């Protein structure tokens, strides 16, 4: 899976618990992540294979 992350990506930021958006790959395994908020990413796997990407909103304080 190839992930292109656009927007305001903040790796390692504290995130809002229990809130996320799913982003799924197309048939070629390409995912574009572009939420309208600052975010961190989490790649979800199933049986060792990447399945989807979650964008997790950062806590802004």
PDB file of N, CA and C in Angstrom:
ATOM      1  N   UNK A   1       0.852  -1.175   0.000  1.00  0.00           N
ATOM      2  CA  UNK A   1       0.000   0.000   0.000  1.00  0.00           C
ATOM      3  C   UNK A   1       0.892   1.231   0.000  1.00  0.00           C
ATOM      4  N   UNK A   2       0.541   2.195  -0.820  1.00  0.00           N
ATOM      5  CA  UNK A   2       1.238   3.476  -0.890  1.00  0.00           C
ATOM      6  C   UNK A   2       0.302   4.544  -0.338  1.00  0.00           C
ATOM      7  N   UNK A   3       0.814   5.352   0.607  1.00  0.00           N
ATOM      8  CA  UNK A   3       0.003   6.385   1.240  1.00  0.00           C
ATOM      9  C   UNK A   3       0.571   7.757   0.911  1.00  0.00           C
ATOM     10  N   UNK A   4      -0.267   8.625   0.360  1.00  0.00           N
ATOM     11  CA  UNK A   4       0.073  10.042   0.190  1.00  0.00           C
ATOM     12  C   UNK A   4      -0.712  10.815   1.235  1.00  0.00           C
ATOM     13  N   UNK A   5       0.003  11.485   2.124  1.00  0.00           N
ATOM     14  CA  UNK A   5      -0.632  12.246   3.206  1.00  0.00           C
ATOM     15  C   UNK A   5      -0.536  13.729   2.891  1.00  0.00           C
ATOM     16  N   UNK A   6      -1.685  14.359   2.731  1.00  0.00           N
ATOM     17  CA  UNK A   6      -1.751  15.790   2.452  1.00  0.00           C
ATOM     18  C   UNK A   6      -2.344  16.509   3.658  1.00  0.00           C
ATOM     19  N   UNK A   7      -2.348  17.809   3.598  1.00  0.00           N
ATOM     20  CA  UNK A   7      -2.928  18.587   4.682  1.00  0.00           C
ATOM     21  C   UNK A   7      -1.948  18.761   5.821  1.00  0.00           C
ATOM     22  N   UNK A   8      -2.490  18.845   7.020  1.00  0.00           N
ATOM     23  CA  UNK A   8      -1.729  19.211   8.217  1.00  0.00           C
ATOM     24  C   UNK A   8      -1.366  17.968   9.032  1.00  0.00           C
ATOM     25  N   UNK A   9      -0.387  17.185   8.561  1.00  0.00           N
ATOM     26  CA  UNK A   9       0.047  15.964   9.230  1.00  0.00           C
ATOM     27  C   UNK A   9       0.992  16.301  10.381  1.00  0.00           C
ATOM     28  N   UNK A  10       0.630  15.853  11.595  1.00  0.00           N
ATOM     29  CA  UNK A  10       1.440  16.078  12.797  1.00  0.00           C
ATOM     30  C   UNK A  10       1.775  14.721  13.411  1.00  0.00           C
ATOM     31  N   UNK A  11       2.782  14.013  12.928  1.00  0.00           N
ATOM     32  CA  UNK A  11       3.105  12.704  13.492  1.00  0.00           C
ATOM     33  C   UNK A  11       3.416  12.789  14.988  1.00  0.00           C
ATOM     34  N   UNK A  12       2.823  11.886  15.760  1.00  0.00           N
ATOM     35  CA  UNK A  12       3.084  11.822  17.190  1.00  0.00           C
ATOM     36  C   UNK A  12       2.286  12.777  18.049  1.00  0.00           C
ATOM     37  N   UNK A  13       1.361  13.530  17.465  1.00  0.00           N
ATOM     38  CA  UNK A  13       0.573  14.479  18.259  1.00  0.00           C
ATOM     39  C   UNK A  13      -0.382  13.711  19.175  1.00  0.00           C
ATOM     40  N   UNK A  14      -0.778  14.312  20.317  1.00  0.00           N
ATOM     41  CA  UNK A  14      -1.835  13.692  21.109  1.00  0.00           C
ATOM     42  C   UNK A  14      -3.135  13.759  20.314  1.00  0.00           C
ATOM     43  N   UNK A  15      -3.891  12.662  20.293  1.00  0.00           N
ATOM     44  CA  UNK A  15      -5.089  12.601  19.448  1.00  0.00           C
ATOM     45  C   UNK A  15      -6.363  12.519  20.277  1.00  0.00           C
ATOM     46  N   UNK A  16      -7.468  12.876  19.634  1.00  0.00           N
ATOM     47  CA  UNK A  16      -8.788  12.796  20.251  1.00  0.00           C
ATOM     48  C   UNK A  16      -9.157  11.315  20.343  1.00  0.00           C
ATOM     49  N   UNK A  17      -9.417  10.807  21.534  1.00  0.00           N
ATOM     50  CA  UNK A  17      -9.713   9.396  21.736  1.00  0.00           C
ATOM     51  C   UNK A  17     -11.061   9.021  21.121  1.00  0.00           C
ATOM     52  N   UNK A  18     -11.080   7.956  20.323  1.00  0.00           N
ATOM     53  CA  UNK A  18     -12.317   7.433  19.772  1.00  0.00           C
ATOM     54  C   UNK A  18     -12.852   8.146  18.544  1.00  0.00           C
ATOM     55  N   UNK A  19     -12.057   9.037  17.940  1.00  0.00           N
ATOM     56  CA  UNK A  19     -12.499   9.775  16.747  1.00  0.00           C
ATOM     57  C   UNK A  19     -11.477   9.554  15.640  1.00  0.00           C
ATOM     58  N   UNK A  20     -11.956   9.173  14.447  1.00  0.00           N
ATOM     59  CA  UNK A  20     -11.072   8.997  13.302  1.00  0.00           C
ATOM     60  C   UNK A  20     -11.886   8.945  12.027  1.00  0.00           C
ATOM     61  N   UNK A  21     -11.189   9.058  10.910  1.00  0.00           N
ATOM     62  CA  UNK A  21     -11.770   8.849   9.585  1.00  0.00           C
ATOM     63  C   UNK A  21     -10.986   7.738   8.908  1.00  0.00           C
ATOM     64  N   UNK A  22     -11.693   6.882   8.149  1.00  0.00           N
ATOM     65  CA  UNK A  22     -11.053   5.798   7.403  1.00  0.00           C
ATOM     66  C   UNK A  22     -10.735   6.245   5.987  1.00  0.00           C
ATOM     67  N   UNK A  23      -9.598   5.779   5.486  1.00  0.00           N
ATOM     68  CA  UNK A  23      -9.186   6.030   4.106  1.00  0.00           C
ATOM     69  C   UNK A  23      -8.779   4.673   3.528  1.00  0.00           C
ATOM     70  N   UNK A  24      -9.374   4.303   2.406  1.00  0.00           N
ATOM     71  CA  UNK A  24      -9.159   2.971   1.836  1.00  0.00           C
ATOM     72  C   UNK A  24      -8.373   3.053   0.534  1.00  0.00           C
ATOM     73  N   UNK A  25      -7.541   2.036   0.275  1.00  0.00           N
ATOM     74  CA  UNK A  25      -6.767   2.030  -0.977  1.00  0.00           C
ATOM     75  C   UNK A  25      -7.650   1.704  -2.183  1.00  0.00           C
ATOM     76  N   UNK A  26      -7.208   2.180  -3.342  1.00  0.00           N
ATOM     77  CA  UNK A  26      -7.877   1.789  -4.580  1.00  0.00           C
ATOM     78  C   UNK A  26      -7.374   0.399  -4.987  1.00  0.00           C
ATOM     79  N   UNK A  27      -7.764  -0.067  -6.151  1.00  0.00           N
ATOM     80  CA  UNK A  27      -7.402  -1.423  -6.596  1.00  0.00           C
ATOM     81  C   UNK A  27      -5.887  -1.614  -6.723  1.00  0.00           C
ATOM     82  N   UNK A  28      -5.152  -0.533  -6.965  1.00  0.00           N
ATOM     83  CA  UNK A  28      -3.697  -0.611  -7.101  1.00  0.00           C
ATOM     84  C   UNK A  28      -2.979  -0.467  -5.756  1.00  0.00           C
ATOM     85  N   UNK A  29      -3.723  -0.266  -4.653  1.00  0.00           N
ATOM     86  CA  UNK A  29      -3.108  -0.140  -3.338  1.00  0.00           C
ATOM     87  C   UNK A  29      -2.683   1.276  -2.989  1.00  0.00           C
ATOM     88  N   UNK A  30      -3.247   2.274  -3.643  1.00  0.00           N
ATOM     89  CA  UNK A  30      -2.886   3.677  -3.444  1.00  0.00           C
ATOM     90  C   UNK A  30      -3.934   4.376  -2.584  1.00  0.00           C
ATOM     91  N   UNK A  31      -3.487   5.059  -1.518  1.00  0.00           N
ATOM     92  CA  UNK A  31      -4.384   5.763  -0.601  1.00  0.00           C
ATOM     93  C   UNK A  31      -3.991   7.237  -0.556  1.00  0.00           C
ATOM     94  N   UNK A  32      -4.973   8.121  -0.673  1.00  0.00           N
ATOM     95  CA  UNK A  32      -4.755   9.556  -0.500  1.00  0.00           C
ATOM     96  C   UNK A  32      -5.490   9.974   0.771  1.00  0.00           C
ATOM     97  N   UNK A  33      -4.738  10.537   1.732  1.00  0.00           N
ATOM     98  CA  UNK A  33      -5.306  11.003   2.999  1.00  0.00           C
ATOM     99  C   UNK A  33      -5.245  12.525   2.994  1.00  0.00           C
ATOM    100  N   UNK A  34      -6.404  13.171   3.148  1.00  0.00           N
ATOM    101  CA  UNK A  34      -6.458  14.635   3.106  1.00  0.00           C
ATOM    102  C   UNK A  34      -7.622  15.159   3.951  1.00  0.00           C
ATOM    103  N   UNK A  35      -7.564  14.975   5.278  1.00  0.00           N
ATOM    104  CA  UNK A  35      -8.646  15.492   6.109  1.00  0.00           C
ATOM    105  C   UNK A  35      -8.541  17.003   6.281  1.00  0.00           C
ATOM    106  N   UNK A  36      -9.593  17.604   6.796  1.00  0.00           N
ATOM    107  CA  UNK A  36      -9.643  19.061   6.976  1.00  0.00           C
ATOM    108  C   UNK A  36      -9.229  19.466   8.389  1.00  0.00           C
ATOM    109  N   UNK A  37      -8.400  18.663   9.029  1.00  0.00           N
ATOM    110  CA  UNK A  37      -7.961  18.956  10.399  1.00  0.00           C
ATOM    111  C   UNK A  37      -6.522  18.464  10.569  1.00  0.00           C
ATOM    112  N   UNK A  38      -5.781  19.002  11.564  1.00  0.00           N
ATOM    113  CA  UNK A  38      -4.455  18.451  11.872  1.00  0.00           C
ATOM    114  C   UNK A  38      -4.620  17.014  12.361  1.00  0.00           C
ATOM    115  N   UNK A  39      -3.725  16.123  11.920  1.00  0.00           N
ATOM    116  CA  UNK A  39      -3.929  14.703  12.192  1.00  0.00           C
ATOM    117  C   UNK A  39      -2.629  13.909  12.293  1.00  0.00           C
ATOM    118  N   UNK A  40      -2.754  12.706  12.863  1.00  0.00           N
ATOM    119  CA  UNK A  40      -1.725  11.678  12.843  1.00  0.00           C
ATOM    120  C   UNK A  40      -2.323  10.485  12.097  1.00  0.00           C
ATOM    121  N   UNK A  41      -1.485   9.566  11.663  1.00  0.00           N
ATOM    122  CA  UNK A  41      -1.948   8.415  10.900  1.00  0.00           C
ATOM    123  C   UNK A  41      -1.767   7.119  11.669  1.00  0.00           C
ATOM    124  N   UNK A  42      -2.619   6.150  11.366  1.00  0.00           N
ATOM    125  CA  UNK A  42      -2.486   4.797  11.883  1.00  0.00           C
ATOM    126  C   UNK A  42      -2.871   3.851  10.754  1.00  0.00           C
ATOM    127  N   UNK A  43      -1.959   2.945  10.389  1.00  0.00           N
ATOM    128  CA  UNK A  43      -2.239   1.966   9.339  1.00  0.00           C
ATOM    129  C   UNK A  43      -2.831   0.728  10.001  1.00  0.00           C
ATOM    130  N   UNK A  44      -4.000   0.339   9.544  1.00  0.00           N
ATOM    131  CA  UNK A  44      -4.666  -0.842  10.074  1.00  0.00           C
ATOM    132  C   UNK A  44      -4.306  -2.052   9.221  1.00  0.00           C
ATOM    133  N   UNK A  45      -3.989  -3.160   9.884  1.00  0.00           N
ATOM    134  CA  UNK A  45      -3.610  -4.375   9.177  1.00  0.00           C
ATOM    135  C   UNK A  45      -4.559  -5.512   9.528  1.00  0.00           C
ATOM    136  N   UNK A  46      -4.647  -6.479   8.625  1.00  0.00           N
ATOM    137  CA  UNK A  46      -5.402  -7.702   8.864  1.00  0.00           C
ATOM    138  C   UNK A  46      -4.556  -8.861   8.367  1.00  0.00           C
ATOM    139  N   UNK A  47      -4.246  -9.773   9.263  1.00  0.00           N
ATOM    140  CA  UNK A  47      -3.402 -10.928   8.952  1.00  0.00           C
ATOM    141  C   UNK A  47      -2.094 -10.512   8.291  1.00  0.00           C
ATOM    142  N   UNK A  48      -1.486  -9.439   8.810  1.00  0.00           N
ATOM    143  CA  UNK A  48      -0.183  -8.980   8.341  1.00  0.00           C
ATOM    144  C   UNK A  48      -0.196  -8.144   7.070  1.00  0.00           C
ATOM    145  N   UNK A  49      -1.375  -7.879   6.516  1.00  0.00           N
ATOM    146  CA  UNK A  49      -1.464  -7.068   5.296  1.00  0.00           C
ATOM    147  C   UNK A  49      -2.127  -5.741   5.608  1.00  0.00           C
ATOM    148  N   UNK A  50      -1.605  -4.622   5.067  1.00  0.00           N
ATOM    149  CA  UNK A  50      -2.258  -3.332   5.282  1.00  0.00           C
ATOM    150  C   UNK A  50      -3.651  -3.333   4.657  1.00  0.00           C
ATOM    151  N   UNK A  51      -4.614  -2.822   5.415  1.00  0.00           N
ATOM    152  CA  UNK A  51      -6.003  -2.850   4.981  1.00  0.00           C
ATOM    153  C   UNK A  51      -6.544  -1.455   4.698  1.00  0.00           C
ATOM    154  N   UNK A  52      -6.246  -0.503   5.593  1.00  0.00           N
ATOM    155  CA  UNK A  52      -6.775   0.855   5.467  1.00  0.00           C
ATOM    156  C   UNK A  52      -5.932   1.783   6.338  1.00  0.00           C
ATOM    157  N   UNK A  53      -6.200   3.074   6.231  1.00  0.00           N
ATOM    158  CA  UNK A  53      -5.496   4.078   7.021  1.00  0.00           C
ATOM    159  C   UNK A  53      -6.525   4.876   7.804  1.00  0.00           C
ATOM    160  N   UNK A  54      -6.209   5.154   9.076  1.00  0.00           N
ATOM    161  CA  UNK A  54      -7.062   6.013   9.886  1.00  0.00           C
ATOM    162  C   UNK A  54      -6.349   7.348  10.064  1.00  0.00           C
ATOM    163  N   UNK A  55      -7.094   8.451   9.879  1.00  0.00           N
ATOM    164  CA  UNK A  55      -6.566   9.758  10.255  1.00  0.00           C
ATOM    165  C   UNK A  55      -7.191  10.094  11.617  1.00  0.00           C
ATOM    166  N   UNK A  56      -6.331  10.414  12.568  1.00  0.00           N
ATOM    167  CA  UNK A  56      -6.726  10.665  13.950  1.00  0.00           C
ATOM    168  C   UNK A  56      -6.555  12.154  14.242  1.00  0.00           C
ATOM    169  N   UNK A  57      -7.633  12.880  14.574  1.00  0.00           N
ATOM    170  CA  UNK A  57      -7.524  14.325  14.821  1.00  0.00           C
ATOM    171  C   UNK A  57      -6.629  14.626  16.022  1.00  0.00           C
ATOM    172  N   UNK A  58      -5.742  15.594  15.870  1.00  0.00           N
ATOM    173  CA  UNK A  58      -4.862  16.013  16.957  1.00  0.00           C
ATOM    174  C   UNK A  58      -5.635  16.879  17.954  1.00  0.00           C
ATOM    175  N   UNK A  59      -5.240  16.807  19.217  1.00  0.00           N
ATOM    176  CA  UNK A  59      -5.771  17.700  20.232  1.00  0.00           C
ATOM    177  C   UNK A  59      -5.008  19.012  20.109  1.00  0.00           C
ATOM    178  N   UNK A  60      -5.716  20.085  19.904  1.00  0.00           N
ATOM    179  CA  UNK A  60      -5.085  21.390  19.721  1.00  0.00           C
ATOM    180  C   UNK A  60      -5.293  22.237  20.982  1.00  0.00           C
ATOM    181  N   UNK A  61      -4.227  22.476  21.684  1.00  0.00           N
ATOM    182  CA  UNK A  61      -4.306  23.319  22.902  1.00  0.00           C
ATOM    183  C   UNK A  61      -3.063  24.143  23.016  1.00  0.00           C
TER     184      UNK A  61
END
